[in-house]
Amino acid sequence: MVLIEPVPRNPREPTALQEPRRTILSSLAEVAQAIGHLNRLELLEFLAQGHGLTPIVL
């Protein structure tokens, strides 16, 4: 049985560099999926505004 290594997308990039790149892209895809909902993005936007007055409902 002959094992064939996948061809890198960028022929100038060595195969050894492909694995860390793929790991980073995989992690980025997971983060994008996790925040890829309107409610989550609105919450992140609210949190990004920083410290401010917090309304108190009595």
N, C-alpha and C. Protein backbone atom coordinates (compact mmCIF):
# COMPACT_ATOMS: atom_id res chain seq x y z
N MET A 1 0.84 -1.18 0.00
CA MET A 1 0.00 0.00 0.00
C MET A 1 0.88 1.24 0.00
N VAL A 2 0.57 2.16 -0.87
CA VAL A 2 1.36 3.39 -1.00
C VAL A 2 0.57 4.53 -0.40
N LEU A 3 1.20 5.28 0.51
CA LEU A 3 0.56 6.44 1.11
C LEU A 3 0.92 7.68 0.30
N ILE A 4 -0.07 8.45 -0.04
CA ILE A 4 0.16 9.68 -0.80
C ILE A 4 -0.15 10.86 0.10
N GLU A 5 0.82 11.74 0.25
CA GLU A 5 0.61 12.92 1.08
C GLU A 5 -0.21 13.94 0.30
N PRO A 6 -1.10 14.68 0.99
CA PRO A 6 -1.87 15.71 0.29
C PRO A 6 -0.95 16.83 -0.19
N VAL A 7 -1.30 17.39 -1.31
CA VAL A 7 -0.51 18.48 -1.87
C VAL A 7 -0.89 19.77 -1.14
N PRO A 8 0.13 20.51 -0.67
CA PRO A 8 -0.17 21.78 0.00
C PRO A 8 -0.85 22.74 -0.96
N ARG A 9 -1.73 23.60 -0.44
CA ARG A 9 -2.40 24.57 -1.30
C ARG A 9 -1.40 25.53 -1.93
N ASN A 10 -0.42 25.96 -1.14
CA ASN A 10 0.62 26.84 -1.64
C ASN A 10 1.85 25.98 -1.89
N PRO A 11 2.23 25.78 -3.15
CA PRO A 11 3.36 24.89 -3.42
C PRO A 11 4.66 25.34 -2.77
N ARG A 12 4.77 26.62 -2.44
CA ARG A 12 6.00 27.12 -1.80
C ARG A 12 6.01 26.87 -0.31
N GLU A 13 4.87 26.51 0.26
CA GLU A 13 4.77 26.28 1.69
C GLU A 13 5.02 24.80 1.98
N PRO A 14 6.02 24.49 2.80
CA PRO A 14 6.32 23.08 3.10
C PRO A 14 5.15 22.40 3.81
N THR A 15 5.04 21.10 3.61
CA THR A 15 3.97 20.32 4.22
C THR A 15 4.00 20.42 5.73
N ALA A 16 5.18 20.53 6.32
CA ALA A 16 5.30 20.62 7.78
C ALA A 16 4.60 21.85 8.33
N LEU A 17 4.48 22.91 7.51
CA LEU A 17 3.82 24.12 7.98
C LEU A 17 2.31 24.04 7.80
N GLN A 18 1.83 23.07 7.07
CA GLN A 18 0.39 22.95 6.83
C GLN A 18 -0.37 22.60 8.11
N GLU A 19 0.17 21.73 8.93
CA GLU A 19 -0.56 21.28 10.12
C GLU A 19 -0.84 22.41 11.10
N PRO A 20 0.14 23.24 11.49
CA PRO A 20 -0.18 24.35 12.39
C PRO A 20 -1.20 25.31 11.77
N ARG A 21 -1.07 25.55 10.48
CA ARG A 21 -2.00 26.44 9.78
C ARG A 21 -3.41 25.87 9.83
N ARG A 22 -3.55 24.58 9.58
CA ARG A 22 -4.86 23.94 9.60
C ARG A 22 -5.45 23.95 11.02
N THR A 23 -4.59 23.79 12.02
CA THR A 23 -5.05 23.84 13.41
C THR A 23 -5.61 25.21 13.74
N ILE A 24 -4.92 26.24 13.33
CA ILE A 24 -5.37 27.62 13.58
C ILE A 24 -6.68 27.88 12.84
N LEU A 25 -6.76 27.48 11.58
CA LEU A 25 -7.98 27.69 10.81
C LEU A 25 -9.16 26.92 11.39
N SER A 26 -8.89 25.73 11.89
CA SER A 26 -9.94 24.94 12.53
C SER A 26 -10.46 25.63 13.78
N SER A 27 -9.55 26.16 14.58
CA SER A 27 -9.95 26.88 15.79
C SER A 27 -10.74 28.13 15.43
N LEU A 28 -10.31 28.84 14.41
CA LEU A 28 -11.02 30.04 13.96
C LEU A 28 -12.43 29.69 13.50
N ALA A 29 -12.58 28.58 12.81
CA ALA A 29 -13.90 28.14 12.35
C ALA A 29 -14.80 27.82 13.55
N GLU A 30 -14.25 27.22 14.60
CA GLU A 30 -15.04 26.92 15.79
C GLU A 30 -15.51 28.20 16.48
N VAL A 31 -14.63 29.20 16.56
CA VAL A 31 -15.01 30.47 17.17
C VAL A 31 -16.08 31.15 16.34
N ALA A 32 -15.91 31.15 15.03
CA ALA A 32 -16.90 31.77 14.14
C ALA A 32 -18.26 31.10 14.29
N GLN A 33 -18.27 29.79 14.42
CA GLN A 33 -19.52 29.07 14.60
C GLN A 33 -20.15 29.40 15.95
N ALA A 34 -19.32 29.55 16.97
CA ALA A 34 -19.83 29.83 18.31
C ALA A 34 -20.47 31.21 18.41
N ILE A 35 -19.92 32.21 17.72
CA ILE A 35 -20.47 33.56 17.82
C ILE A 35 -21.36 33.90 16.63
N GLY A 36 -21.58 32.95 15.76
CA GLY A 36 -22.32 33.21 14.53
C GLY A 36 -23.82 33.26 14.69
N HIS A 37 -24.32 33.82 15.75
CA HIS A 37 -25.75 33.94 15.96
C HIS A 37 -26.03 35.39 16.36
N LEU A 38 -27.11 35.94 15.88
CA LEU A 38 -27.44 37.34 16.11
C LEU A 38 -27.43 37.71 17.59
N ASN A 39 -28.06 36.90 18.42
CA ASN A 39 -28.11 37.22 19.85
C ASN A 39 -26.73 37.25 20.48
N ARG A 40 -25.88 36.31 20.10
CA ARG A 40 -24.52 36.29 20.66
C ARG A 40 -23.72 37.50 20.20
N LEU A 41 -23.87 37.89 18.94
CA LEU A 41 -23.15 39.06 18.43
C LEU A 41 -23.61 40.34 19.12
N GLU A 42 -24.91 40.45 19.38
CA GLU A 42 -25.42 41.61 20.10
C GLU A 42 -24.86 41.65 21.52
N LEU A 43 -24.76 40.49 22.15
CA LEU A 43 -24.19 40.43 23.50
C LEU A 43 -22.72 40.83 23.48
N LEU A 44 -21.97 40.36 22.50
CA LEU A 44 -20.56 40.73 22.38
C LEU A 44 -20.41 42.23 22.14
N GLU A 45 -21.28 42.79 21.31
CA GLU A 45 -21.24 44.22 21.06
C GLU A 45 -21.49 44.99 22.35
N PHE A 46 -22.46 44.55 23.13
CA PHE A 46 -22.76 45.19 24.41
C PHE A 46 -21.56 45.11 25.35
N LEU A 47 -20.95 43.93 25.44
CA LEU A 47 -19.79 43.77 26.32
C LEU A 47 -18.59 44.58 25.86
N ALA A 48 -18.46 44.76 24.53
CA ALA A 48 -17.33 45.51 23.99
C ALA A 48 -17.43 47.00 24.29
N GLN A 49 -18.61 47.47 24.64
CA GLN A 49 -18.79 48.89 24.94
C GLN A 49 -18.08 49.27 26.23
N GLY A 50 -17.72 48.29 27.02
CA GLY A 50 -16.95 48.56 28.23
C GLY A 50 -17.82 48.95 29.40
N HIS A 51 -17.16 49.50 30.40
CA HIS A 51 -17.84 49.87 31.64
C HIS A 51 -18.72 51.08 31.39
N GLY A 52 -19.83 51.08 32.00
CA GLY A 52 -20.76 52.19 31.90
C GLY A 52 -21.80 52.05 32.98
N LEU A 53 -22.80 52.86 32.86
CA LEU A 53 -23.87 52.80 33.84
C LEU A 53 -24.72 51.56 33.58
N THR A 54 -25.03 50.87 34.62
CA THR A 54 -25.89 49.70 34.51
C THR A 54 -27.28 50.08 34.97
N PRO A 55 -28.27 49.97 34.09
CA PRO A 55 -29.62 50.34 34.51
C PRO A 55 -30.14 49.36 35.56
N ILE A 56 -30.80 49.91 36.57
CA ILE A 56 -31.36 49.10 37.64
C ILE A 56 -32.87 49.16 37.53
N VAL A 57 -33.49 48.02 37.45
CA VAL A 57 -34.93 47.96 37.36
C VAL A 57 -35.48 47.65 38.75
N LEU A 58 -36.33 48.54 39.25
CA LEU A 58 -36.91 48.34 40.58
C LEU A 58 -38.34 47.88 40.45
